[in-house]
C-alpha atoms as a PDB file:
ATOM      1  CA  ASP A   1       1.940  81.421   2.666  1.00  0.00           C
ATOM      2  CA  GLY A   2       2.454  80.897  -1.070  1.00  0.00           C
ATOM      3  CA  LEU A   3       5.807  79.098  -0.758  1.00  0.00           C
ATOM      4  CA  ALA A   4       6.396  75.824  -2.515  1.00  0.00           C
ATOM      5  CA  MET A   5       6.972  72.878  -0.169  1.00  0.00           C
ATOM      6  CA  ALA A   6      10.685  72.766  -1.044  1.00  0.00           C
ATOM      7  CA  GLU A   7      11.117  76.438  -0.066  1.00  0.00           C
ATOM      8  CA  ARG A   8       9.555  76.255   3.390  1.00  0.00           C
ATOM      9  CA  SER A   9      11.557  76.292   6.592  1.00  0.00           C
ATOM     10  CA  THR A  10      11.382  72.732   7.857  1.00  0.00           C
ATOM     11  CA  PRO A  11      13.147  70.975  10.721  1.00  0.00           C
ATOM     12  CA  VAL A  12      15.731  68.531   9.374  1.00  0.00           C
ATOM     13  CA  TRP A  13      14.010  65.549  11.005  1.00  0.00           C
ATOM     14  CA  ALA A  14      10.843  66.239   8.979  1.00  0.00           C
ATOM     15  CA  ASN A  15      12.503  65.921   5.570  1.00  0.00           C
ATOM     16  CA  HIS A  16      11.865  62.184   5.298  1.00  0.00           C
ATOM     17  CA  THR A  17       8.209  62.772   6.113  1.00  0.00           C
ATOM     18  CA  LEU A  18       8.026  65.406   3.372  1.00  0.00           C
ATOM     19  CA  GLY A  19       9.647  62.936   0.999  1.00  0.00           C
ATOM     20  CA  ALA A  20       6.997  60.334   1.823  1.00  0.00           C
ATOM     21  CA  VAL A  21       4.157  62.851   1.405  1.00  0.00           C
ATOM     22  CA  ALA A  22       5.565  64.090  -1.911  1.00  0.00           C
ATOM     23  CA  LEU A  23       5.979  60.516  -3.146  1.00  0.00           C
ATOM     24  CA  MET A  24       2.429  59.664  -2.078  1.00  0.00           C
ATOM     25  CA  ILE A  25       1.052  62.667  -3.980  1.00  0.00           C
ATOM     26  CA  SER A  26       3.195  62.027  -7.072  1.00  0.00           C
ATOM     27  CA  SER A  27       1.967  58.411  -7.052  1.00  0.00           C
ATOM     28  CA  GLY A  28      -1.568  59.637  -7.635  1.00  0.00           C
ATOM     29  CA  ALA A  29      -3.134  59.600  -4.177  1.00  0.00           C
ATOM     30  CA  PRO A  30      -6.152  61.936  -4.164  1.00  0.00           C
ATOM     31  CA  CYS A  31      -4.867  63.843  -1.134  1.00  0.00           C
ATOM     32  CA  GLU A  32      -6.465  67.252  -0.632  1.00  0.00           C
ATOM     33  CA  GLY A  33      -5.354  67.764   2.941  1.00  0.00           C
ATOM     34  CA  LEU A  34      -3.458  65.841   5.564  1.00  0.00           C
ATOM     35  CA  SER A  35      -2.606  66.233   9.231  1.00  0.00           C
ATOM     36  CA  LEU A  36       0.078  63.967  10.650  1.00  0.00           C
ATOM     37  CA  LEU A  37       1.238  63.309  14.175  1.00  0.00           C
ATOM     38  CA  LEU A  38       4.279  61.053  14.369  1.00  0.00           C
ATOM     39  CA  THR A  39       5.627  59.370  17.468  1.00  0.00           C
ATOM     40  CA  SER A  40       8.306  56.746  17.766  1.00  0.00           C
ATOM     41  CA  ASN A  41       9.685  54.367  20.341  1.00  0.00           C
ATOM     42  CA  VAL A  42      12.803  53.669  18.270  1.00  0.00           C
ATOM     43  CA  PRO A  43      15.590  54.893  20.560  1.00  0.00           C
ATOM     44  CA  PRO A  44      18.250  57.156  19.051  1.00  0.00           C
ATOM     45  CA  GLY A  45      21.544  55.364  18.543  1.00  0.00           C
ATOM     46  CA  ALA A  46      19.962  51.907  18.701  1.00  0.00           C
ATOM     47  CA  GLY A  47      21.353  50.941  15.317  1.00  0.00           C
ATOM     48  CA  MET A  48      17.941  51.162  13.664  1.00  0.00           C
ATOM     49  CA  SER A  49      17.084  54.087  11.463  1.00  0.00           C
ATOM     50  CA  ASN A  50      14.348  56.350  12.812  1.00  0.00           C
ATOM     51  CA  SER A  51      13.909  57.766   9.328  1.00  0.00           C
ATOM     52  CA  ALA A  52      13.391  54.283   7.875  1.00  0.00           C
ATOM     53  CA  ALA A  53      10.852  53.471  10.597  1.00  0.00           C
ATOM     54  CA  ASN A  54       9.088  56.753   9.887  1.00  0.00           C
ATOM     55  CA  CYS A  55       8.908  56.117   6.143  1.00  0.00           C
ATOM     56  CA  VAL A  56       7.749  52.507   6.535  1.00  0.00           C
ATOM     57  CA  ALA A  57       5.027  53.628   8.959  1.00  0.00           C
ATOM     58  CA  LEU A  58       3.920  56.358   6.566  1.00  0.00           C
ATOM     59  CA  GLY A  59       3.793  53.875   3.695  1.00  0.00           C
ATOM     60  CA  LEU A  60       1.513  51.620   5.747  1.00  0.00           C
ATOM     61  CA  VAL A  61      -0.723  54.525   6.778  1.00  0.00           C
ATOM     62  CA  PHE A  62      -0.909  55.999   3.285  1.00  0.00           C
ATOM     63  CA  ASN A  63      -1.833  52.606   1.856  1.00  0.00           C
ATOM     64  CA  GLU A  64      -4.761  52.389   4.283  1.00  0.00           C
ATOM     65  CA  LEU A  65      -5.872  55.941   3.425  1.00  0.00           C
ATOM     66  CA  TYR A  66      -5.300  55.613  -0.324  1.00  0.00           C
ATOM     67  CA  PRO A  67      -5.554  51.973  -1.452  1.00  0.00           C
ATOM     68  CA  THR A  68      -4.916  53.052  -5.039  1.00  0.00           C
ATOM     69  CA  LEU A  69      -1.239  53.377  -4.039  1.00  0.00           C
ATOM     70  CA  ALA A  70      -1.242  49.549  -4.016  1.00  0.00           C
ATOM     71  CA  LEU A  71       1.434  49.224  -1.318  1.00  0.00           C
ATOM     72  CA  ASP A  72       0.001  45.783  -0.684  1.00  0.00           C
ATOM     73  CA  THR A  73       3.192  43.780  -0.113  1.00  0.00           C
ATOM     74  CA  GLN A  74       6.085  44.270   2.271  1.00  0.00           C
ATOM     75  CA  MET A  75       8.435  44.825  -0.661  1.00  0.00           C
ATOM     76  CA  LYS A  76       6.235  47.581  -2.078  1.00  0.00           C
ATOM     77  CA  VAL A  77       6.144  49.300   1.324  1.00  0.00           C
ATOM     78  CA  VAL A  78       9.927  48.913   1.626  1.00  0.00           C
ATOM     79  CA  THR A  79      10.407  50.371  -1.850  1.00  0.00           C
ATOM     80  CA  PHE A  80       8.110  53.296  -1.003  1.00  0.00           C
ATOM     81  CA  ALA A  81      10.038  53.962   2.220  1.00  0.00           C
ATOM     82  CA  ARG A  82      13.417  53.764   0.479  1.00  0.00           C
ATOM     83  CA  ASP A  83      12.274  56.078  -2.314  1.00  0.00           C
ATOM     84  CA  ALA A  84      10.956  58.556   0.279  1.00  0.00           C
ATOM     85  CA  GLU A  85      14.301  58.552   2.102  1.00  0.00           C
ATOM     86  CA  ASN A  86      16.202  58.978  -1.153  1.00  0.00           C
ATOM     87  CA  SER A  87      13.901  61.766  -2.389  1.00  0.00           C
ATOM     88  CA  LYS A  88      14.964  65.361  -2.911  1.00  0.00           C
ATOM     89  CA  PHE A  89      13.484  66.098   0.533  1.00  0.00           C
ATOM     90  CA  GLY A  90      15.006  63.164   2.387  1.00  0.00           C
ATOM     91  CA  GLY A  91      18.327  63.522   0.640  1.00  0.00           C
ATOM     92  CA  GLY A  92      19.428  60.006   1.541  1.00  0.00           C
ATOM     93  CA  HIS A  93      21.484  57.525  -0.397  1.00  0.00           C
ATOM     94  CA  CYS A  94      20.324  54.458   1.459  1.00  0.00           C
ATOM     95  CA  GLY A  95      19.869  50.867   0.484  1.00  0.00           C
ATOM     96  CA  TRP A  96      17.143  48.460   1.525  1.00  0.00           C
ATOM     97  CA  LEU A  97      18.307  46.928   4.808  1.00  0.00           C
ATOM     98  CA  ASP A  98      16.780  49.195   7.471  1.00  0.00           C
ATOM     99  CA  GLN A  99      13.432  49.472   5.709  1.00  0.00           C
ATOM    100  CA  MET A 100      13.266  45.709   5.139  1.00  0.00           C
ATOM    101  CA  LEU A 101      14.117  44.905   8.757  1.00  0.00           C
ATOM    102  CA  ILE A 102      11.485  47.318  10.013  1.00  0.00           C
ATOM    103  CA  ALA A 103       8.791  46.148   7.595  1.00  0.00           C
ATOM    104  CA  CYS A 104       9.422  42.491   8.526  1.00  0.00           C
ATOM    105  CA  SER A 105       9.666  43.018  12.291  1.00  0.00           C
ATOM    106  CA  LYS A 106       6.869  42.362  14.761  1.00  0.00           C
END
């Protein structure tokens, strides 16, 4: 459609995903196409951030797809997730707690 990613009509809930994709691309991943299907069993209002869970999951998936991202420690995944949430797409001003709890949970 010729529109830049930032100009497209996007549901609000997808902004964190766009932030993670943009961060992955800007980090040098050789991504030429990507289809994502996201599901979650994190209940709304449970005190755990769905957006943080989404970004942590995407960091783990992107690291498997593109090992050159070197998200090979929990802290690197947490940092990726936090940066995605705080990106121009995600628009967050979050700290580390939710991402760290999610990355360290089983």
